Amino acid sequence: MPDESAKPIIAITMGDPCGIGPEIIAKALASGQVHPACRPLVVGSAWSMEQAIDLVGASLTVREVESAQGVGTSPGTVDIVDPHNLSPEDVVVGQVTPACGKAAMEWVTRAAELALAGQVDALATAPVNKEAASLAGYKAIGHMELLQELSGAPDVATMLMTGRLWVVHLTTHRSLRRACDYVTKEQILGKLRLTHDSFGQAGIPSPRIGVAALNPHGSDGGLLGNEEADEIGPAVEEARKLGIDARGPVPADIVFHQAIQGSYDVVLAMYHDQGHIAVKVHGFEASITANLGLPFVRTSVDHGTAFDIAGKGVAHHDSMLEAIRMAVSLSLGEGLS
C-alpha cells in the first residue's frame, strides 16, 4: 500500500466565488485524478463549495478542517479551510461584488501563510476577479503581486505553459503604455537570470530562451523603434556573457512558432498580451500559469472568473487539473514536465 502521508498537500484556493472557481474545483476533485497524486486542501467558503458540488452533481462531502494537519486522503471528501469571512447572501454568482473580491484575496493570503509555514507543499489557485479585488481596496490585484508582497520575494515572473509553448513575461498587469517603459536592459537581464536559474532548479540546467522583440518586425533596423538595439539586444548579449543561452531579439510574429517547433525551451515576452495571446491561441483549455521566484510553488489556471457562464455547470476543469498536476510535480522536485 502506498504511504498516503507521503503525498504532497496542495492548497487549492477557491478564487472569486461569484465566478467558476468553485465548480471547476468540484469537477477536478470529482474526476478521480487528484487524490491519487496528492492530498488536496481547499481554502475558501464551505457553503460555496457545497453549492458547486450540487451544481455539477458530484458525489462529494465537504469537511471543514482547522489546519493542514487535518487533511485526509478520502477521494469522496473535500477538506476545506474556511475562515468564515463571507456570508452566503454576499455571493451573487455572475456579478462583481467587493465582498467576494475581499474574501478571495484573503483565501490566497491564508494559503500563502500555510505555504510559508511549511504546512502545505504548494498552491494551485482558481481565478480571482481583479475588479472585485480593487473595489475591496486591494492595490495588489493579482495573485503574483499579492504573493510577492506577502513573501518578500525580490524578483518574480509569470510563466504560462501549454503543450510545448512556455512563456515568461517581462511585465504582466500593467497598461501597454506603462509596460513599454519596463523594456530596459536591466529589467530584461533580471528576468533572463530568473528564468535561467528557475529552470535549472527544476531540472533544465541550460534552457534555450527566445527573447521576443517589442516592435513589429523587430524594429526593421530601427525604422519602427529603438528598443531592440538599445535595450533588448544588449541585455541578450550581456546574458550570454553570463552563460545564459538567450537568443534574440526575435520578431514576436515568429518567436512563438519557433518555440512550438522546438527551437526554444521558453520565450521571454515583453508584455502581457504578447505572451498570453500566443499561449491561449495555441492551447487555451489546458494552459496554466506558474510563478518564478516565489519561495514556494504556485500554479494556477490560465483563465478568468468567467462570470458569463458561472453557475451554469458548463465550465471546463482541464486547466484546474493541469495546475494541480504541475503543483504536485514541482513540489516533489520532479521539475517542469
Protein backbone atom coordinates (compact mmCIF):
# COMPACT_ATOMS: atom_id res chain seq x y z
CA MET A 1 0.00 0.00 0.00
CA PRO A 2 1.35 3.48 -0.85
CA ASP A 3 2.13 5.79 2.05
CA GLU A 4 -0.70 8.33 1.88
CA SER A 5 1.10 10.68 4.27
CA ALA A 6 3.94 10.98 1.76
CA LYS A 7 1.67 12.63 -0.79
CA PRO A 8 2.13 16.40 -1.01
CA ILE A 9 -0.57 18.67 0.39
CA ILE A 10 -1.77 21.07 -2.30
CA ALA A 11 -3.70 24.13 -1.13
CA ILE A 12 -6.36 24.92 -3.75
CA THR A 13 -7.69 28.45 -3.38
CA MET A 14 -11.30 28.91 -4.45
CA GLY A 15 -10.91 32.20 -6.28
CA ASP A 16 -13.86 34.54 -6.55
CA PRO A 17 -16.96 32.54 -5.52
CA CYS A 18 -19.10 34.60 -7.90
CA GLY A 19 -17.16 33.02 -10.77
CA ILE A 20 -16.41 29.49 -11.94
CA GLY A 21 -13.73 28.73 -9.32
CA PRO A 22 -15.88 26.60 -7.00
CA GLU A 23 -17.35 24.50 -9.83
CA ILE A 24 -14.05 23.76 -11.60
CA ILE A 25 -12.59 22.68 -8.24
CA ALA A 26 -15.61 20.44 -7.64
CA LYS A 27 -15.25 18.89 -11.09
CA ALA A 28 -11.49 18.40 -10.65
CA LEU A 29 -11.90 16.71 -7.26
CA ALA A 30 -14.71 14.52 -8.59
CA SER A 31 -12.65 13.40 -11.59
CA GLY A 32 -10.71 10.78 -9.66
CA GLN A 33 -7.39 12.23 -10.85
CA VAL A 34 -6.46 14.41 -7.87
CA HIS A 35 -6.45 12.23 -4.75
CA PRO A 36 -4.17 9.53 -6.21
CA ALA A 37 -1.47 12.19 -6.65
CA CYS A 38 -1.84 14.46 -3.61
CA ARG A 39 -3.81 15.48 -0.55
CA PRO A 40 -5.91 18.46 -1.70
CA LEU A 41 -6.91 21.18 0.75
CA VAL A 42 -9.39 23.77 -0.49
CA VAL A 43 -9.16 27.25 1.03
CA GLY A 44 -12.43 29.12 0.68
CA SER A 45 -16.11 29.05 1.52
CA ALA A 46 -17.57 25.71 2.59
CA TRP A 47 -21.03 26.95 1.61
CA SER A 48 -19.87 27.88 -1.91
CA MET A 49 -18.14 24.52 -2.21
CA GLU A 50 -21.33 22.68 -1.30
CA GLN A 51 -23.31 24.74 -3.81
CA ALA A 52 -20.80 23.90 -6.53
CA ILE A 53 -20.86 20.20 -5.73
CA ASP A 54 -24.66 20.21 -6.03
CA LEU A 55 -24.42 22.19 -9.27
CA VAL A 56 -22.14 19.68 -11.02
CA GLY A 57 -23.83 16.63 -9.47
CA ALA A 58 -20.68 15.31 -7.81
CA SER A 59 -20.67 12.68 -5.06
CA LEU A 60 -18.51 14.64 -2.65
CA THR A 61 -18.85 15.60 1.00
CA VAL A 62 -17.41 18.82 2.40
CA ARG A 63 -15.49 18.58 5.66
CA GLU A 64 -14.15 21.66 7.42
CA VAL A 65 -10.68 21.31 8.96
CA GLU A 66 -8.82 23.76 11.17
CA SER A 67 -5.42 23.36 9.54
CA ALA A 68 -3.45 21.37 7.00
CA GLN A 69 -2.73 18.78 9.69
CA GLY A 70 -6.31 17.61 9.43
CA VAL A 71 -6.18 16.82 5.71
CA GLY A 72 -7.37 13.32 4.91
CA THR A 73 -7.00 11.10 1.88
CA SER A 74 -10.56 10.08 1.09
CA PRO A 75 -11.41 10.80 -2.58
CA GLY A 76 -15.03 11.38 -1.62
CA THR A 77 -14.26 14.12 0.89
CA VAL A 78 -13.41 17.74 0.19
CA ASP A 79 -11.30 19.04 3.07
CA ILE A 80 -11.60 22.80 3.34
CA VAL A 81 -10.17 25.58 5.49
CA ASP A 82 -12.92 28.17 5.76
CA PRO A 83 -12.03 31.40 7.61
CA HIS A 84 -15.77 32.24 7.66
CA ASN A 85 -15.11 35.64 6.15
CA LEU A 86 -18.02 35.56 3.72
CA SER A 87 -21.78 35.31 4.17
CA PRO A 88 -23.88 33.33 1.64
CA GLU A 89 -26.00 36.42 0.96
CA ASP A 90 -22.87 38.24 -0.26
CA VAL A 91 -22.36 35.73 -3.07
CA VAL A 92 -24.14 36.86 -6.24
CA VAL A 93 -23.00 34.43 -8.92
CA GLY A 94 -22.01 36.15 -12.14
CA GLN A 95 -21.60 39.61 -10.63
CA VAL A 96 -18.69 41.68 -9.36
CA THR A 97 -19.00 42.18 -5.61
CA PRO A 98 -16.42 43.77 -3.27
CA ALA A 99 -17.24 41.27 -0.50
CA CYS A 100 -16.32 38.32 -2.71
CA GLY A 101 -13.25 40.10 -4.03
CA LYS A 102 -12.08 40.67 -0.46
CA ALA A 103 -12.78 37.08 0.59
CA ALA A 104 -10.97 35.65 -2.43
CA MET A 105 -7.82 37.64 -1.70
CA GLU A 106 -7.97 36.66 1.98
CA TRP A 107 -8.12 33.00 0.96
CA VAL A 108 -4.99 33.47 -1.15
CA THR A 109 -3.33 35.13 1.83
CA ARG A 110 -4.30 32.23 4.11
CA ALA A 111 -2.94 29.67 1.66
CA ALA A 112 0.32 31.62 1.32
CA GLU A 113 0.66 31.67 5.10
CA LEU A 114 0.26 27.89 5.16
CA ALA A 115 2.93 27.54 2.47
CA LEU A 116 5.36 29.90 4.20
CA ALA A 117 4.86 27.94 7.43
CA GLY A 118 5.63 24.69 5.63
CA GLN A 119 2.17 23.26 6.28
CA VAL A 120 1.31 22.81 2.59
CA ASP A 121 3.64 21.87 -0.22
CA ALA A 122 2.25 24.06 -2.99
CA LEU A 123 -0.60 26.33 -4.08
CA ALA A 124 -2.91 25.79 -7.07
CA THR A 125 -5.20 28.76 -7.49
CA ALA A 126 -8.59 29.30 -9.10
CA PRO A 127 -9.16 32.75 -10.64
CA VAL A 128 -9.76 35.95 -8.70
CA ASN A 129 -11.53 38.93 -10.21
CA LYS A 130 -9.26 41.96 -10.36
CA GLU A 131 -12.10 44.48 -10.45
CA ALA A 132 -13.67 42.95 -7.35
CA ALA A 133 -10.31 42.90 -5.57
CA SER A 134 -9.75 46.55 -6.45
CA LEU A 135 -13.22 47.51 -5.20
CA ALA A 136 -12.34 45.72 -1.96
CA GLY A 137 -9.38 48.05 -1.52
CA TYR A 138 -6.53 45.86 -2.74
CA LYS A 139 -3.72 47.54 -4.65
CA ALA A 140 -2.04 44.21 -5.43
CA ILE A 141 -4.97 42.94 -7.51
CA GLY A 142 -3.33 39.83 -8.96
CA HIS A 143 -2.09 36.61 -7.38
CA MET A 144 1.56 37.18 -8.21
CA GLU A 145 1.66 40.72 -6.89
CA LEU A 146 -0.05 39.73 -3.64
CA LEU A 147 2.15 36.65 -3.15
CA GLN A 148 5.31 38.65 -3.82
CA GLU A 149 4.19 41.21 -1.25
CA LEU A 150 3.39 38.52 1.34
CA SER A 151 6.61 36.55 0.81
CA GLY A 152 9.02 39.42 0.28
CA ALA A 153 10.37 37.78 -2.89
CA PRO A 154 12.73 40.27 -4.60
CA ASP A 155 12.02 39.26 -8.20
CA VAL A 156 9.14 37.23 -9.60
CA ALA A 157 7.74 36.44 -13.01
CA THR A 158 4.68 34.82 -14.52
CA MET A 159 5.17 31.85 -16.84
CA LEU A 160 2.34 30.46 -18.97
CA MET A 161 2.52 26.89 -20.26
CA THR A 162 0.53 24.89 -22.78
CA GLY A 163 1.95 21.96 -24.66
CA ARG A 164 5.41 22.83 -25.96
CA LEU A 165 4.90 26.58 -25.60
CA TRP A 166 6.16 28.10 -22.35
CA VAL A 167 6.28 31.89 -21.99
CA VAL A 168 7.75 34.07 -19.24
CA HIS A 169 6.56 37.68 -19.13
CA LEU A 170 8.69 40.75 -18.54
CA THR A 171 5.59 42.51 -17.17
CA THR A 172 2.00 41.42 -16.64
CA HIS A 173 -0.61 43.66 -15.03
CA ARG A 174 0.45 47.00 -16.43
CA SER A 175 -1.12 49.10 -19.15
CA LEU A 176 0.58 48.73 -22.52
CA ARG A 177 1.79 52.30 -22.36
CA ARG A 178 3.46 51.67 -18.99
CA ALA A 179 4.71 48.20 -19.95
CA CYS A 180 6.84 49.66 -22.72
CA ASP A 181 8.72 51.73 -20.12
CA TYR A 182 9.86 48.50 -18.47
CA VAL A 183 11.57 47.24 -21.62
CA THR A 184 15.04 48.11 -20.34
CA LYS A 185 18.33 46.25 -20.38
CA GLU A 186 18.27 45.93 -16.58
CA GLN A 187 14.72 44.56 -16.41
CA ILE A 188 15.25 42.12 -19.26
CA LEU A 189 18.56 40.86 -17.90
CA GLY A 190 16.92 40.32 -14.49
CA LYS A 191 14.13 38.20 -15.99
CA LEU A 192 16.63 36.21 -18.08
CA ARG A 193 18.63 35.42 -14.94
CA LEU A 194 15.47 34.46 -13.04
CA THR A 195 14.28 32.23 -15.88
CA HIS A 196 17.68 30.57 -16.27
CA ASP A 197 18.02 29.92 -12.53
CA SER A 198 14.42 28.71 -12.11
CA PHE A 199 14.72 26.23 -14.94
CA GLY A 200 17.99 25.00 -13.50
CA GLN A 201 16.33 24.35 -10.16
CA ALA A 202 13.56 22.48 -11.99
CA GLY A 203 15.95 20.13 -13.77
CA ILE A 204 16.65 22.01 -17.02
CA PRO A 205 20.19 23.35 -16.44
CA SER A 206 20.67 25.42 -19.60
CA PRO A 207 17.31 26.46 -21.04
CA ARG A 208 17.22 27.96 -24.51
CA ILE A 209 15.45 31.29 -24.07
CA GLY A 210 13.97 33.00 -27.11
CA VAL A 211 13.65 36.72 -26.43
CA ALA A 212 10.76 38.43 -28.20
CA ALA A 213 11.18 41.80 -29.85
CA LEU A 214 8.90 44.63 -28.79
CA ASN A 215 8.30 46.35 -32.11
CA PRO A 216 6.90 44.97 -35.38
CA HIS A 217 9.49 43.08 -37.42
CA GLY A 218 12.00 43.51 -34.61
CA SER A 219 12.03 47.27 -35.46
CA ASP A 220 13.23 46.80 -39.08
CA GLY A 221 16.70 48.06 -38.29
CA GLY A 222 15.45 50.98 -36.23
CA LEU A 223 12.74 52.18 -38.59
CA LEU A 224 9.98 51.08 -36.18
CA GLY A 225 11.59 51.77 -32.82
CA ASN A 226 14.90 51.59 -30.98
CA GLU A 227 14.19 49.27 -28.04
CA GLU A 228 15.67 46.26 -29.84
CA ALA A 229 19.01 47.97 -30.45
CA ASP A 230 19.20 49.99 -27.25
CA GLU A 231 17.74 47.63 -24.62
CA ILE A 232 16.78 44.10 -25.71
CA GLY A 233 19.84 43.28 -27.81
CA PRO A 234 22.34 44.50 -25.19
CA ALA A 235 20.50 42.52 -22.47
CA VAL A 236 20.72 39.35 -24.56
CA GLU A 237 24.43 39.97 -25.21
CA GLU A 238 25.14 40.51 -21.52
CA ALA A 239 23.14 37.40 -20.59
CA ARG A 240 25.16 35.28 -23.00
CA LYS A 241 28.36 36.53 -21.37
CA LEU A 242 26.95 35.19 -18.09
CA GLY A 243 26.41 31.74 -19.58
CA ILE A 244 22.69 32.17 -20.24
CA ASP A 245 21.50 30.72 -23.55
CA ALA A 246 19.43 33.75 -24.57
CA ARG A 247 18.64 34.30 -28.23
CA GLY A 248 17.16 37.38 -29.86
CA PRO A 249 15.51 39.74 -30.12
CA VAL A 250 13.28 37.67 -32.39
CA PRO A 251 10.22 39.27 -34.05
CA ALA A 252 7.15 38.40 -31.99
CA ASP A 253 5.25 37.13 -35.03
CA ILE A 254 7.69 34.22 -35.41
CA VAL A 255 9.28 33.56 -32.00
CA PHE A 256 6.31 31.64 -30.57
CA HIS A 257 6.02 29.45 -33.67
CA GLN A 258 9.72 28.67 -33.40
CA ALA A 259 9.26 27.70 -29.75
CA ILE A 260 6.41 25.34 -30.63
CA GLN A 261 8.66 23.78 -33.27
CA GLY A 262 11.33 23.16 -30.60
CA SER A 263 13.82 25.99 -31.19
CA TYR A 264 13.49 27.27 -27.59
CA ASP A 265 12.56 25.83 -24.22
CA VAL A 266 10.89 29.07 -23.20
CA VAL A 267 10.16 32.53 -24.62
CA LEU A 268 10.56 35.84 -22.77
CA ALA A 269 7.67 38.07 -23.86
CA MET A 270 7.87 41.83 -23.42
CA TYR A 271 4.34 42.42 -22.11
CA HIS A 272 1.13 40.66 -21.01
CA ASP A 273 -0.86 40.23 -24.21
CA GLN A 274 2.17 39.46 -26.37
CA GLY A 275 2.65 36.22 -24.48
CA HIS A 276 -0.89 35.49 -23.32
CA ILE A 277 -2.45 35.63 -26.77
CA ALA A 278 0.11 33.19 -28.18
CA VAL A 279 -0.44 30.70 -25.35
CA LYS A 280 -4.21 30.87 -25.40
CA VAL A 281 -4.47 30.52 -29.15
CA HIS A 282 -2.10 27.54 -29.08
CA GLY A 283 -3.87 25.61 -26.30
CA PHE A 284 -6.34 27.52 -24.15
CA GLU A 285 -8.16 24.66 -22.39
CA ALA A 286 -5.05 23.10 -20.85
CA SER A 287 -2.93 26.24 -20.38
CA ILE A 288 -1.73 27.05 -16.87
CA THR A 289 0.39 29.58 -15.03
CA ALA A 290 3.36 29.13 -12.71
CA ASN A 291 5.25 31.81 -10.81
CA LEU A 292 9.03 32.00 -10.85
CA GLY A 293 10.91 33.49 -7.91
CA LEU A 294 8.47 32.80 -5.06
CA PRO A 295 9.75 30.82 -2.03
CA PHE A 296 7.00 28.23 -2.60
CA VAL A 297 5.33 26.58 -5.59
CA ARG A 298 2.30 28.32 -7.02
CA THR A 299 0.46 27.28 -10.15
CA SER A 300 -2.85 28.49 -11.47
CA VAL A 301 -5.49 28.08 -14.10
CA ASP A 302 -4.90 30.32 -17.09
CA HIS A 303 -8.37 31.77 -17.40
CA GLY A 304 -10.55 34.27 -15.63
CA THR A 305 -13.60 34.09 -13.43
CA ALA A 306 -15.93 33.74 -16.46
CA PHE A 307 -18.90 35.43 -14.82
CA ASP A 308 -20.90 34.95 -18.03
CA ILE A 309 -21.06 31.16 -17.55
CA ALA A 310 -20.69 30.95 -13.76
CA GLY A 311 -23.37 28.93 -12.03
CA LYS A 312 -24.32 27.02 -15.18
CA GLY A 313 -22.13 24.00 -14.57
CA VAL A 314 -20.59 24.17 -18.05
CA ALA A 315 -17.08 25.43 -17.18
CA HIS A 316 -14.21 23.16 -18.22
CA HIS A 317 -11.89 21.97 -15.45
CA ASP A 318 -8.96 20.88 -17.65
CA SER A 319 -6.80 23.83 -16.63
CA MET A 320 -7.54 23.28 -12.94
CA LEU A 321 -6.48 19.65 -13.20
CA GLU A 322 -3.31 20.60 -15.06
CA ALA A 323 -2.48 23.29 -12.48
CA ILE A 324 -2.82 20.74 -9.66
CA ARG A 325 -0.74 18.20 -11.59
CA MET A 326 2.06 20.71 -12.15
CA ALA A 327 1.92 21.83 -8.50
CA VAL A 328 2.39 18.21 -7.45
CA SER A 329 5.28 17.70 -9.88
CA LEU A 330 7.12 20.83 -8.78
CA SER A 331 6.53 20.19 -5.08
CA LEU A 332 8.05 16.72 -5.45
CA GLY A 333 11.09 18.11 -7.25
CA GLU A 334 10.16 16.34 -10.47
CA GLY A 335 10.66 19.51 -12.48
CA LEU A 336 8.77 21.17 -15.29
CA SER A 337 7.12 18.44 -17.32
